[in-house]
Protein backbone atom coordinates (compact mmCIF):
# COMPACT_ATOMS: atom_id res chain seq x y z
CA MET A 1 245.07 54.66 117.03
CA GLY A 2 242.96 52.56 114.62
CA GLU A 3 243.51 51.71 110.99
CA VAL A 4 244.92 54.54 108.89
CA SER A 5 244.01 54.63 105.22
CA ILE A 6 247.40 55.39 103.70
CA GLU A 7 248.68 53.53 100.72
CA TYR A 8 251.84 54.05 98.73
CA VAL A 9 254.33 52.16 96.63
CA ALA A 10 257.66 51.56 98.35
CA PRO A 11 260.87 49.91 97.15
CA HIS A 12 261.84 47.24 99.61
CA ALA A 13 265.08 45.29 99.97
CA GLY A 14 265.64 44.83 96.26
CA ARG A 15 262.49 42.79 95.82
CA GLY A 16 260.70 45.31 93.60
CA LEU A 17 257.90 47.62 94.53
CA LYS A 18 255.19 46.80 97.08
CA ARG A 19 251.98 48.63 97.78
CA MET A 20 251.74 48.97 101.55
CA LYS A 21 248.71 49.96 103.63
CA ILE A 22 249.66 51.49 106.99
CA PHE A 23 247.59 50.33 109.96
CA ASN A 24 249.21 52.15 112.88
CA LYS A 25 252.14 54.40 113.72
CA TYR A 26 253.89 54.43 117.09
CA TRP A 27 256.32 57.22 118.06
CA PHE A 28 258.89 57.35 120.85
CA SER A 29 260.72 60.63 121.51
CA THR A 30 264.48 60.70 122.05
CA SER A 31 266.98 63.48 122.55
CA SER A 32 268.04 63.16 118.90
CA GLY A 33 264.63 62.77 117.22
CA ALA A 34 262.15 59.98 117.34
CA ILE A 35 261.86 56.25 116.86
CA GLY A 36 258.99 55.11 114.72
CA ILE A 37 257.31 51.75 114.53
CA VAL A 38 254.84 51.37 111.69
CA THR A 39 252.56 48.38 111.10
CA GLY A 40 251.07 47.64 107.74
CA GLU A 41 250.06 45.15 105.11
CA ASP A 42 251.41 44.40 101.70
CA GLN A 43 248.40 44.91 99.45
CA TYR A 44 249.46 42.13 97.03
CA THR A 45 250.60 39.40 99.38
CA LYS A 46 248.40 40.43 102.34
CA ILE A 47 251.42 39.83 104.62
CA LYS A 48 251.30 42.06 107.74
CA LYS A 49 254.58 43.49 108.92
CA ALA A 50 256.07 45.97 111.41
CA TYR A 51 259.06 48.21 110.64
CA ILE A 52 261.20 50.33 113.01
CA LYS A 53 263.54 53.26 112.30
CA VAL A 54 264.98 56.42 113.83
CA VAL A 55 263.36 59.46 112.17
CA ALA A 56 263.53 63.24 112.47
CA GLY A 57 260.14 63.47 114.09
CA LEU A 58 259.10 66.61 112.21
CA ASP A 59 256.43 65.30 109.78
CA GLU A 60 254.35 62.31 110.76
CA ASN A 61 253.34 61.23 107.25
CA TYR A 62 256.86 61.64 105.82
CA ASP A 63 258.35 59.77 108.82
CA ALA A 64 255.79 56.95 108.50
CA LYS A 65 256.64 56.53 104.82
CA ASP A 66 260.38 56.61 105.65
CA VAL A 67 259.93 53.89 108.28
CA MET A 68 258.02 51.66 105.84
CA GLU A 69 260.50 52.23 103.00
CA ASN A 70 263.81 52.19 104.88
CA GLY A 71 263.12 50.76 108.31
CA SER A 72 264.19 47.41 109.63
CA PRO A 73 261.49 44.72 109.62
CA VAL A 74 260.57 43.62 113.13
CA PRO A 75 260.29 39.83 113.19
CA ASP A 76 257.20 38.35 114.91
CA ARG A 77 259.58 36.38 117.16
CA ILE A 78 261.03 39.61 118.57
CA ILE A 79 257.58 41.03 119.29
CA THR A 80 256.58 37.81 121.01
CA ASP A 81 259.80 37.83 123.06
CA ILE A 82 259.28 41.44 124.17
CA LEU A 83 255.71 40.68 125.27
CA ARG A 84 256.88 37.63 127.18
CA ASP A 85 259.62 39.67 128.89
CA LEU A 86 257.05 42.19 130.08
CA LYS A 87 254.71 39.65 131.68
C-alpha cells in the first residue's frame, strides 16, 4: 500500500497525547464488520508500532484513526511468532 501521509494527535493508554503518522492499513472482512491493523510511527519518539481492532468497516479514515487510538498494540514478538508459524 505504501506510506500514507496521515498525522493526528491521539490519546493513548493514559500516557498523554501522541502525534502518530500512519504508514499502512490492513483490513480483513468478517461477518460482523472488519478487523483493522494499522502501522505507524510516533512522531516524537520515532517508535514504530502496529495496532489491531475490530471496526465497523464503513469509513477507512475513521476506522484507521479508531484503530490507532483505541486498538490493542501488537507486540513485535507476536508478529515474529506469526511469521515463524507460517514458514
